[in-house]
């Protein structure tokens, strides 16, 4: 029937899945081996909306040439991991709508796929422990002691992080610089990755021998789309595990051999925060920030 569409059902399915890779070594004989990459896709969510199906006694749907539309809504479950990475990059967490025109058994079905971005709401107010200040510290073999405070451990993109560093340097050793970085780490299935969100040098602590240094500064968490901290364990037929977390790292570089030391501070990245920024915070430095692409 030229110019007409015949179908047994028209539906739409929202699918959430993780994708990751594994490798295996294959022997090809005569002592030769090769590495093979396997691509795994584990669905953890599926919701279907049926747009049209034949009425009782009707064999199939028949649509004349034209434009047709069906309103729909799909209620997302409360706990879903955030979209992570491009749909064709591995590892990933991806969601997609699949529109299906199902036909009779002897005709091929037609389907169309559209990818979506889904983020869960992570309100920092639901985790009050990440909204209080924290103290951190470390020292090296030359008795350089660093103690610091961070205004809190929970942030959203575009928010200021305020910190104070106190350094005891009784031997007046040369402190070359202090690197500050923010890192995104994630585990998806059997794959783990680490991405540097920013990495910069504190401009007021460069090549100093002072016996005591105190520096208060603020830095802006990049106002870019970042998936929130999240841990998920689910799956429809197989286990789908996702863990996304962030750290702030201070690396103190000191003159000499084996004298550098560092401090890692886990932080929580949310999507919502009703906390009021402190208007008395020091102005943020004009940092040169390298964003991960």
C-alpha atoms as a PDB file:
ATOM      1  CA  UNK A   1       0.000   0.000   0.000  1.00  0.00           C
ATOM      2  CA  UNK A   2       2.050   2.868  -1.326  1.00  0.00           C
ATOM      3  CA  UNK A   3       1.950   6.058   0.749  1.00  0.00           C
ATOM      4  CA  UNK A   4       0.531   4.229   3.765  1.00  0.00           C
ATOM      5  CA  UNK A   5       2.063   2.920   6.971  1.00  0.00           C
ATOM      6  CA  UNK A   6       0.978  -0.444   8.305  1.00  0.00           C
ATOM      7  CA  UNK A   7       1.963  -1.467  11.821  1.00  0.00           C
ATOM      8  CA  UNK A   8       1.003  -3.873  14.561  1.00  0.00           C
ATOM      9  CA  UNK A   9       2.086  -1.422  17.289  1.00  0.00           C
ATOM     10  CA  UNK A  10       3.810   1.936  17.738  1.00  0.00           C
ATOM     11  CA  UNK A  11       5.672   2.406  21.005  1.00  0.00           C
ATOM     12  CA  UNK A  12       8.485   4.244  22.715  1.00  0.00           C
ATOM     13  CA  UNK A  13      10.933   2.858  25.280  1.00  0.00           C
ATOM     14  CA  UNK A  14      13.303   4.782  27.548  1.00  0.00           C
ATOM     15  CA  UNK A  15      16.399   2.691  28.227  1.00  0.00           C
ATOM     16  CA  UNK A  16      19.247   3.313  30.660  1.00  0.00           C
ATOM     17  CA  UNK A  17      22.414   1.262  30.385  1.00  0.00           C
ATOM     18  CA  UNK A  18      26.091   1.213  31.215  1.00  0.00           C
ATOM     19  CA  UNK A  19      28.781   0.404  28.682  1.00  0.00           C
ATOM     20  CA  UNK A  20      32.316  -0.740  29.390  1.00  0.00           C
ATOM     21  CA  UNK A  21      35.076  -2.748  27.756  1.00  0.00           C
ATOM     22  CA  UNK A  22      37.192  -5.744  28.631  1.00  0.00           C
ATOM     23  CA  UNK A  23      40.194  -7.176  26.846  1.00  0.00           C
ATOM     24  CA  UNK A  24      41.382 -10.722  26.406  1.00  0.00           C
ATOM     25  CA  UNK A  25      44.513 -12.207  24.923  1.00  0.00           C
ATOM     26  CA  UNK A  26      43.969 -14.768  22.168  1.00  0.00           C
ATOM     27  CA  UNK A  27      46.591 -17.237  21.017  1.00  0.00           C
ATOM     28  CA  UNK A  28      46.791 -17.558  17.247  1.00  0.00           C
ATOM     29  CA  UNK A  29      49.324 -20.396  17.274  1.00  0.00           C
ATOM     30  CA  UNK A  30      53.091 -20.535  16.850  1.00  0.00           C
ATOM     31  CA  UNK A  31      53.531 -18.423  19.965  1.00  0.00           C
ATOM     32  CA  UNK A  32      51.644 -15.457  18.538  1.00  0.00           C
ATOM     33  CA  UNK A  33      49.004 -13.647  20.550  1.00  0.00           C
ATOM     34  CA  UNK A  34      46.586 -10.818  19.890  1.00  0.00           C
ATOM     35  CA  UNK A  35      44.435  -8.655  22.128  1.00  0.00           C
ATOM     36  CA  UNK A  36      40.704  -8.501  21.544  1.00  0.00           C
ATOM     37  CA  UNK A  37      38.416  -5.815  22.978  1.00  0.00           C
ATOM     38  CA  UNK A  38      34.895  -6.765  24.009  1.00  0.00           C
ATOM     39  CA  UNK A  39      32.137  -4.175  24.384  1.00  0.00           C
ATOM     40  CA  UNK A  40      29.594  -4.770  27.129  1.00  0.00           C
ATOM     41  CA  UNK A  41      26.178  -3.085  27.482  1.00  0.00           C
ATOM     42  CA  UNK A  42      24.252  -3.740  30.687  1.00  0.00           C
ATOM     43  CA  UNK A  43      20.727  -2.242  30.896  1.00  0.00           C
ATOM     44  CA  UNK A  44      19.561  -1.092  34.318  1.00  0.00           C
ATOM     45  CA  UNK A  45      16.343   0.749  33.469  1.00  0.00           C
ATOM     46  CA  UNK A  46      13.512   0.356  30.955  1.00  0.00           C
ATOM     47  CA  UNK A  47      10.140   2.090  30.714  1.00  0.00           C
ATOM     48  CA  UNK A  48       7.737   1.661  27.802  1.00  0.00           C
ATOM     49  CA  UNK A  49       4.899   3.833  26.495  1.00  0.00           C
ATOM     50  CA  UNK A  50       2.530   2.396  23.873  1.00  0.00           C
ATOM     51  CA  UNK A  51       1.211   4.994  21.452  1.00  0.00           C
ATOM     52  CA  UNK A  52      -1.068   2.902  19.284  1.00  0.00           C
ATOM     53  CA  UNK A  53      -2.147  -0.708  18.806  1.00  0.00           C
ATOM     54  CA  UNK A  54      -5.013  -2.296  16.833  1.00  0.00           C
ATOM     55  CA  UNK A  55      -8.457  -2.301  18.369  1.00  0.00           C
ATOM     56  CA  UNK A  56     -10.233  -5.567  19.075  1.00  0.00           C
ATOM     57  CA  UNK A  57     -10.955  -7.262  15.766  1.00  0.00           C
ATOM     58  CA  UNK A  58      -8.535  -5.013  13.879  1.00  0.00           C
ATOM     59  CA  UNK A  59      -5.557  -6.819  12.314  1.00  0.00           C
ATOM     60  CA  UNK A  60      -3.192  -3.877  12.046  1.00  0.00           C
ATOM     61  CA  UNK A  61      -2.882  -0.115  12.165  1.00  0.00           C
ATOM     62  CA  UNK A  62      -3.029   1.768   8.883  1.00  0.00           C
ATOM     63  CA  UNK A  63      -1.909   5.406   8.595  1.00  0.00           C
ATOM     64  CA  UNK A  64      -2.171   7.488   5.470  1.00  0.00           C
ATOM     65  CA  UNK A  65       0.701   9.744   4.510  1.00  0.00           C
ATOM     66  CA  UNK A  66       0.915  12.735   6.866  1.00  0.00           C
ATOM     67  CA  UNK A  67       2.161  13.904  10.268  1.00  0.00           C
ATOM     68  CA  UNK A  68       1.080  12.189  13.483  1.00  0.00           C
ATOM     69  CA  UNK A  69       1.899  12.948  17.091  1.00  0.00           C
ATOM     70  CA  UNK A  70       1.248  11.277  20.426  1.00  0.00           C
ATOM     71  CA  UNK A  71       1.768  13.059  23.761  1.00  0.00           C
ATOM     72  CA  UNK A  72       3.526  10.934  26.362  1.00  0.00           C
ATOM     73  CA  UNK A  73       5.217  11.071  29.732  1.00  0.00           C
ATOM     74  CA  UNK A  74       7.521   8.638  31.493  1.00  0.00           C
ATOM     75  CA  UNK A  75       7.929   8.871  35.250  1.00  0.00           C
ATOM     76  CA  UNK A  76      11.567   8.304  36.171  1.00  0.00           C
ATOM     77  CA  UNK A  77      12.366   6.196  39.196  1.00  0.00           C
ATOM     78  CA  UNK A  78      13.948   8.002  42.127  1.00  0.00           C
ATOM     79  CA  UNK A  79      17.432   6.490  42.009  1.00  0.00           C
ATOM     80  CA  UNK A  80      19.094   6.602  38.606  1.00  0.00           C
ATOM     81  CA  UNK A  81      22.803   7.233  37.924  1.00  0.00           C
ATOM     82  CA  UNK A  82      23.722  10.377  35.967  1.00  0.00           C
ATOM     83  CA  UNK A  83      24.583  10.384  32.279  1.00  0.00           C
ATOM     84  CA  UNK A  84      28.353  10.115  31.915  1.00  0.00           C
ATOM     85  CA  UNK A  85      30.486  10.466  28.769  1.00  0.00           C
ATOM     86  CA  UNK A  86      29.350  10.538  25.156  1.00  0.00           C
ATOM     87  CA  UNK A  87      27.026   7.681  24.147  1.00  0.00           C
ATOM     88  CA  UNK A  88      29.645   6.086  21.878  1.00  0.00           C
ATOM     89  CA  UNK A  89      32.581   6.540  24.312  1.00  0.00           C
ATOM     90  CA  UNK A  90      33.565   3.833  26.784  1.00  0.00           C
ATOM     91  CA  UNK A  91      32.926   3.526  29.610  1.00  0.00           C
ATOM     92  CA  UNK A  92      29.614   5.376  29.761  1.00  0.00           C
ATOM     93  CA  UNK A  93      26.233   5.731  31.390  1.00  0.00           C
ATOM     94  CA  UNK A  94      23.686   6.569  28.720  1.00  0.00           C
ATOM     95  CA  UNK A  95      19.957   6.956  28.280  1.00  0.00           C
ATOM     96  CA  UNK A  96      18.067   6.832  25.023  1.00  0.00           C
ATOM     97  CA  UNK A  97      14.543   6.893  23.667  1.00  0.00           C
ATOM     98  CA  UNK A  98      13.817   4.184  21.130  1.00  0.00           C
ATOM     99  CA  UNK A  99      10.775   4.749  18.942  1.00  0.00           C
ATOM    100  CA  UNK A 100       9.590   1.485  17.436  1.00  0.00           C
ATOM    101  CA  UNK A 101       7.126   0.851  14.613  1.00  0.00           C
ATOM    102  CA  UNK A 102       6.403  -2.851  14.908  1.00  0.00           C
ATOM    103  CA  UNK A 103       5.137  -4.574  11.799  1.00  0.00           C
ATOM    104  CA  UNK A 104       3.753  -7.992  11.019  1.00  0.00           C
ATOM    105  CA  UNK A 105       6.199 -10.868  11.334  1.00  0.00           C
ATOM    106  CA  UNK A 106       7.222 -10.918   7.676  1.00  0.00           C
ATOM    107  CA  UNK A 107       8.109  -7.203   7.498  1.00  0.00           C
ATOM    108  CA  UNK A 108      11.121  -5.519   9.171  1.00  0.00           C
ATOM    109  CA  UNK A 109      10.424  -3.213  12.103  1.00  0.00           C
ATOM    110  CA  UNK A 110      11.418   0.439  11.961  1.00  0.00           C
ATOM    111  CA  UNK A 111      13.087   2.151  14.898  1.00  0.00           C
ATOM    112  CA  UNK A 112      14.667   5.504  15.717  1.00  0.00           C
ATOM    113  CA  UNK A 113      16.990   6.293  18.637  1.00  0.00           C
ATOM    114  CA  UNK A 114      17.463   9.615  20.442  1.00  0.00           C
ATOM    115  CA  UNK A 115      19.929  10.058  23.316  1.00  0.00           C
ATOM    116  CA  UNK A 116      19.014  11.972  26.491  1.00  0.00           C
ATOM    117  CA  UNK A 117      20.925  13.462  29.403  1.00  0.00           C
ATOM    118  CA  UNK A 118      19.537  12.532  32.820  1.00  0.00           C
ATOM    119  CA  UNK A 119      20.927  13.780  36.134  1.00  0.00           C
ATOM    120  CA  UNK A 120      19.511  12.802  39.524  1.00  0.00           C
ATOM    121  CA  UNK A 121      18.876  15.575  42.025  1.00  0.00           C
ATOM    122  CA  UNK A 122      21.597  15.593  44.658  1.00  0.00           C
ATOM    123  CA  UNK A 123      20.668  18.224  47.234  1.00  0.00           C
ATOM    124  CA  UNK A 124      23.573  18.953  49.556  1.00  0.00           C
ATOM    125  CA  UNK A 125      21.164  19.927  52.337  1.00  0.00           C
ATOM    126  CA  UNK A 126      20.226  16.252  52.622  1.00  0.00           C
ATOM    127  CA  UNK A 127      23.810  15.519  53.677  1.00  0.00           C
ATOM    128  CA  UNK A 128      24.577  18.140  56.362  1.00  0.00           C
ATOM    129  CA  UNK A 129      28.000  16.631  57.116  1.00  0.00           C
ATOM    130  CA  UNK A 130      29.321  17.883  53.777  1.00  0.00           C
ATOM    131  CA  UNK A 131      28.277  21.458  54.629  1.00  0.00           C
ATOM    132  CA  UNK A 132      30.549  21.905  57.655  1.00  0.00           C
ATOM    133  CA  UNK A 133      34.190  22.986  57.530  1.00  0.00           C
ATOM    134  CA  UNK A 134      36.971  20.429  57.665  1.00  0.00           C
ATOM    135  CA  UNK A 135      40.609  20.427  58.797  1.00  0.00           C
ATOM    136  CA  UNK A 136      43.361  18.660  56.881  1.00  0.00           C
ATOM    137  CA  UNK A 137      47.139  18.435  57.105  1.00  0.00           C
ATOM    138  CA  UNK A 138      50.371  16.640  56.296  1.00  0.00           C
ATOM    139  CA  UNK A 139      54.151  17.075  56.591  1.00  0.00           C
ATOM    140  CA  UNK A 140      57.315  16.026  54.769  1.00  0.00           C
ATOM    141  CA  UNK A 141      60.768  14.700  55.716  1.00  0.00           C
ATOM    142  CA  UNK A 142      62.124  18.255  56.101  1.00  0.00           C
ATOM    143  CA  UNK A 143      59.591  19.010  58.836  1.00  0.00           C
ATOM    144  CA  UNK A 144      57.483  21.309  56.692  1.00  0.00           C
ATOM    145  CA  UNK A 145      54.043  21.073  58.255  1.00  0.00           C
ATOM    146  CA  UNK A 146      50.904  22.125  56.419  1.00  0.00           C
ATOM    147  CA  UNK A 147      47.563  22.531  58.121  1.00  0.00           C
ATOM    148  CA  UNK A 148      44.506  23.765  56.308  1.00  0.00           C
ATOM    149  CA  UNK A 149      40.786  24.338  56.603  1.00  0.00           C
ATOM    150  CA  UNK A 150      38.173  24.034  53.886  1.00  0.00           C
ATOM    151  CA  UNK A 151      34.896  25.896  54.289  1.00  0.00           C
ATOM    152  CA  UNK A 152      32.900  22.724  53.523  1.00  0.00           C
ATOM    153  CA  UNK A 153      33.039  19.418  51.661  1.00  0.00           C
ATOM    154  CA  UNK A 154      29.990  19.779  49.419  1.00  0.00           C
ATOM    155  CA  UNK A 155      29.745  22.024  46.367  1.00  0.00           C
ATOM    156  CA  UNK A 156      27.802  22.597  43.178  1.00  0.00           C
ATOM    157  CA  UNK A 157      29.295  23.774  39.870  1.00  0.00           C
ATOM    158  CA  UNK A 158      29.775  27.543  39.863  1.00  0.00           C
ATOM    159  CA  UNK A 159      30.245  27.770  43.647  1.00  0.00           C
ATOM    160  CA  UNK A 160      33.232  29.205  45.522  1.00  0.00           C
ATOM    161  CA  UNK A 161      35.496  26.954  47.536  1.00  0.00           C
ATOM    162  CA  UNK A 162      37.262  28.850  50.343  1.00  0.00           C
ATOM    163  CA  UNK A 163      40.381  27.509  52.072  1.00  0.00           C
ATOM    164  CA  UNK A 164      43.064  28.661  54.495  1.00  0.00           C
ATOM    165  CA  UNK A 165      46.562  27.189  54.534  1.00  0.00           C
ATOM    166  CA  UNK A 166      49.067  27.489  57.407  1.00  0.00           C
ATOM    167  CA  UNK A 167      52.624  26.298  56.773  1.00  0.00           C
ATOM    168  CA  UNK A 168      55.393  25.843  59.356  1.00  0.00           C
ATOM    169  CA  UNK A 169      58.841  25.894  57.748  1.00  0.00           C
ATOM    170  CA  UNK A 170      61.303  26.109  60.656  1.00  0.00           C
ATOM    171  CA  UNK A 171      64.322  25.174  58.507  1.00  0.00           C
ATOM    172  CA  UNK A 172      63.512  27.875  55.949  1.00  0.00           C
ATOM    173  CA  UNK A 173      63.513  25.319  53.121  1.00  0.00           C
ATOM    174  CA  UNK A 174      62.514  26.628  49.689  1.00  0.00           C
ATOM    175  CA  UNK A 175      58.836  25.969  49.000  1.00  0.00           C
ATOM    176  CA  UNK A 176      58.683  26.112  45.223  1.00  0.00           C
ATOM    177  CA  UNK A 177      54.901  26.105  44.708  1.00  0.00           C
ATOM    178  CA  UNK A 178      51.599  24.518  45.671  1.00  0.00           C
ATOM    179  CA  UNK A 179      49.414  22.889  43.026  1.00  0.00           C
ATOM    180  CA  UNK A 180      45.675  22.712  43.581  1.00  0.00           C
ATOM    181  CA  UNK A 181      43.563  20.404  41.446  1.00  0.00           C
ATOM    182  CA  UNK A 182      40.082  18.934  41.307  1.00  0.00           C
ATOM    183  CA  UNK A 183      39.687  15.407  39.964  1.00  0.00           C
ATOM    184  CA  UNK A 184      36.677  13.405  38.829  1.00  0.00           C
ATOM    185  CA  UNK A 185      36.993   9.656  39.326  1.00  0.00           C
ATOM    186  CA  UNK A 186      34.506   7.026  38.297  1.00  0.00           C
ATOM    187  CA  UNK A 187      34.032   3.272  38.116  1.00  0.00           C
ATOM    188  CA  UNK A 188      31.597   1.904  35.533  1.00  0.00           C
ATOM    189  CA  UNK A 189      31.344  -1.856  35.351  1.00  0.00           C
ATOM    190  CA  UNK A 190      34.939  -3.065  35.146  1.00  0.00           C
ATOM    191  CA  UNK A 191      36.389   0.227  33.897  1.00  0.00           C
ATOM    192  CA  UNK A 192      37.867   3.056  35.983  1.00  0.00           C
ATOM    193  CA  UNK A 193      38.837   6.516  34.807  1.00  0.00           C
ATOM    194  CA  UNK A 194      40.283   9.733  36.230  1.00  0.00           C
ATOM    195  CA  UNK A 195      39.753  13.202  34.729  1.00  0.00           C
ATOM    196  CA  UNK A 196      41.398  16.426  35.916  1.00  0.00           C
ATOM    197  CA  UNK A 197      38.699  19.114  36.109  1.00  0.00           C
ATOM    198  CA  UNK A 198      41.226  21.864  36.852  1.00  0.00           C
ATOM    199  CA  UNK A 199      44.858  22.143  37.915  1.00  0.00           C
ATOM    200  CA  UNK A 200      46.438  25.420  38.965  1.00  0.00           C
ATOM    201  CA  UNK A 201      49.210  26.941  41.093  1.00  0.00           C
ATOM    202  CA  UNK A 202      48.473  29.135  44.107  1.00  0.00           C
ATOM    203  CA  UNK A 203      49.971  32.463  42.968  1.00  0.00           C
ATOM    204  CA  UNK A 204      50.965  33.816  46.402  1.00  0.00           C
ATOM    205  CA  UNK A 205      53.042  30.805  47.475  1.00  0.00           C
ATOM    206  CA  UNK A 206      55.885  30.587  44.964  1.00  0.00           C
ATOM    207  CA  UNK A 207      59.587  30.253  45.884  1.00  0.00           C
ATOM    208  CA  UNK A 208      59.178  31.162  49.559  1.00  0.00           C
ATOM    209  CA  UNK A 209      61.444  30.337  52.523  1.00  0.00           C
ATOM    210  CA  UNK A 210      59.302  31.992  55.182  1.00  0.00           C
ATOM    211  CA  UNK A 211      59.242  30.272  58.543  1.00  0.00           C
ATOM    212  CA  UNK A 212      55.482  30.718  58.747  1.00  0.00           C
ATOM    213  CA  UNK A 213      53.039  31.203  55.869  1.00  0.00           C
ATOM    214  CA  UNK A 214      49.326  31.822  56.123  1.00  0.00           C
ATOM    215  CA  UNK A 215      47.199  32.180  53.018  1.00  0.00           C
ATOM    216  CA  UNK A 216      43.426  32.396  52.585  1.00  0.00           C
ATOM    217  CA  UNK A 217      42.064  32.035  49.087  1.00  0.00           C
ATOM    218  CA  UNK A 218      38.970  31.097  47.144  1.00  0.00           C
ATOM    219  CA  UNK A 219      38.528  29.344  43.843  1.00  0.00           C
ATOM    220  CA  UNK A 220      35.472  28.874  41.678  1.00  0.00           C
ATOM    221  CA  UNK A 221      34.303  25.349  40.968  1.00  0.00           C
ATOM    222  CA  UNK A 222      33.953  25.415  37.151  1.00  0.00           C
ATOM    223  CA  UNK A 223      30.397  26.230  36.130  1.00  0.00           C
ATOM    224  CA  UNK A 224      30.187  23.419  33.610  1.00  0.00           C
ATOM    225  CA  UNK A 225      27.934  20.390  33.391  1.00  0.00           C
ATOM    226  CA  UNK A 226      29.428  17.848  35.764  1.00  0.00           C
ATOM    227  CA  UNK A 227      27.654  14.683  36.909  1.00  0.00           C
ATOM    228  CA  UNK A 228      27.049  14.703  40.663  1.00  0.00           C
ATOM    229  CA  UNK A 229      28.721  12.367  43.124  1.00  0.00           C
ATOM    230  CA  UNK A 230      26.727   9.153  42.953  1.00  0.00           C
ATOM    231  CA  UNK A 231      26.817   5.463  43.765  1.00  0.00           C
ATOM    232  CA  UNK A 232      24.467   3.040  42.025  1.00  0.00           C
ATOM    233  CA  UNK A 233      24.024  -0.705  42.072  1.00  0.00           C
ATOM    234  CA  UNK A 234      21.287  -2.226  39.951  1.00  0.00           C
ATOM    235  CA  UNK A 235      20.620  -3.952  36.660  1.00  0.00           C
ATOM    236  CA  UNK A 236      17.788  -5.774  34.922  1.00  0.00           C
ATOM    237  CA  UNK A 237      19.443  -9.089  34.041  1.00  0.00           C
ATOM    238  CA  UNK A 238      23.052  -8.457  35.113  1.00  0.00           C
ATOM    239  CA  UNK A 239      24.768  -6.234  37.675  1.00  0.00           C
ATOM    240  CA  UNK A 240      25.310  -2.599  36.642  1.00  0.00           C
ATOM    241  CA  UNK A 241      27.580  -0.703  39.039  1.00  0.00           C
ATOM    242  CA  UNK A 242      28.372   3.011  38.868  1.00  0.00           C
ATOM    243  CA  UNK A 243      30.460   5.060  41.305  1.00  0.00           C
ATOM    244  CA  UNK A 244      31.263   8.733  40.617  1.00  0.00           C
ATOM    245  CA  UNK A 245      33.326  10.733  43.106  1.00  0.00           C
ATOM    246  CA  UNK A 246      35.548  13.822  43.321  1.00  0.00           C
ATOM    247  CA  UNK A 247      38.675  14.881  45.183  1.00  0.00           C
ATOM    248  CA  UNK A 248      40.543  18.107  45.836  1.00  0.00           C
ATOM    249  CA  UNK A 249      44.325  17.664  45.880  1.00  0.00           C
ATOM    250  CA  UNK A 250      47.103  19.887  47.199  1.00  0.00           C
ATOM    251  CA  UNK A 251      50.611  19.036  45.966  1.00  0.00           C
ATOM    252  CA  UNK A 252      53.371  20.896  47.830  1.00  0.00           C
ATOM    253  CA  UNK A 253      56.607  21.022  45.840  1.00  0.00           C
ATOM    254  CA  UNK A 254      59.728  21.558  47.940  1.00  0.00           C
ATOM    255  CA  UNK A 255      63.396  21.934  47.046  1.00  0.00           C
ATOM    256  CA  UNK A 256      65.307  18.669  47.382  1.00  0.00           C
ATOM    257  CA  UNK A 257      64.884  14.969  46.642  1.00  0.00           C
ATOM    258  CA  UNK A 258      61.800  13.098  47.859  1.00  0.00           C
ATOM    259  CA  UNK A 259      60.567  16.204  49.649  1.00  0.00           C
ATOM    260  CA  UNK A 260      57.287  16.837  47.821  1.00  0.00           C
ATOM    261  CA  UNK A 261      54.099  15.837  49.619  1.00  0.00           C
ATOM    262  CA  UNK A 262      50.382  15.957  48.918  1.00  0.00           C
ATOM    263  CA  UNK A 263      46.950  15.933  50.523  1.00  0.00           C
ATOM    264  CA  UNK A 264      43.783  14.427  49.003  1.00  0.00           C
ATOM    265  CA  UNK A 265      40.383  15.617  50.241  1.00  0.00           C
ATOM    266  CA  UNK A 266      37.220  13.804  49.097  1.00  0.00           C
ATOM    267  CA  UNK A 267      34.385  16.207  48.276  1.00  0.00           C
ATOM    268  CA  UNK A 268      30.755  15.778  47.281  1.00  0.00           C
ATOM    269  CA  UNK A 269      29.486  17.427  44.108  1.00  0.00           C
ATOM    270  CA  UNK A 270      25.761  18.057  44.067  1.00  0.00           C
ATOM    271  CA  UNK A 271      23.182  19.557  41.749  1.00  0.00           C
ATOM    272  CA  UNK A 272      21.352  21.708  44.290  1.00  0.00           C
ATOM    273  CA  UNK A 273      22.467  23.796  47.225  1.00  0.00           C
ATOM    274  CA  UNK A 274      20.402  26.334  49.128  1.00  0.00           C
ATOM    275  CA  UNK A 275      23.369  27.473  51.161  1.00  0.00           C
ATOM    276  CA  UNK A 276      24.115  31.193  51.003  1.00  0.00           C
ATOM    277  CA  UNK A 277      27.564  32.179  49.768  1.00  0.00           C
ATOM    278  CA  UNK A 278      29.672  34.167  52.184  1.00  0.00           C
ATOM    279  CA  UNK A 279      29.905  37.655  50.684  1.00  0.00           C
ATOM    280  CA  UNK A 280      32.978  38.364  52.838  1.00  0.00           C
ATOM    281  CA  UNK A 281      34.955  35.601  51.121  1.00  0.00           C
ATOM    282  CA  UNK A 282      38.205  36.721  49.529  1.00  0.00           C
ATOM    283  CA  UNK A 283      38.032  37.358  45.803  1.00  0.00           C
ATOM    284  CA  UNK A 284      38.876  34.319  43.702  1.00  0.00           C
ATOM    285  CA  UNK A 285      42.116  34.330  41.800  1.00  0.00           C
ATOM    286  CA  UNK A 286      42.035  34.633  38.044  1.00  0.00           C
ATOM    287  CA  UNK A 287      43.170  31.039  37.676  1.00  0.00           C
ATOM    288  CA  UNK A 288      44.122  29.483  34.387  1.00  0.00           C
ATOM    289  CA  UNK A 289      41.936  26.414  34.459  1.00  0.00           C
ATOM    290  CA  UNK A 290      42.201  23.493  32.084  1.00  0.00           C
ATOM    291  CA  UNK A 291      38.797  21.911  31.574  1.00  0.00           C
ATOM    292  CA  UNK A 292      38.541  18.270  30.626  1.00  0.00           C
ATOM    293  CA  UNK A 293      36.939  17.751  27.235  1.00  0.00           C
END
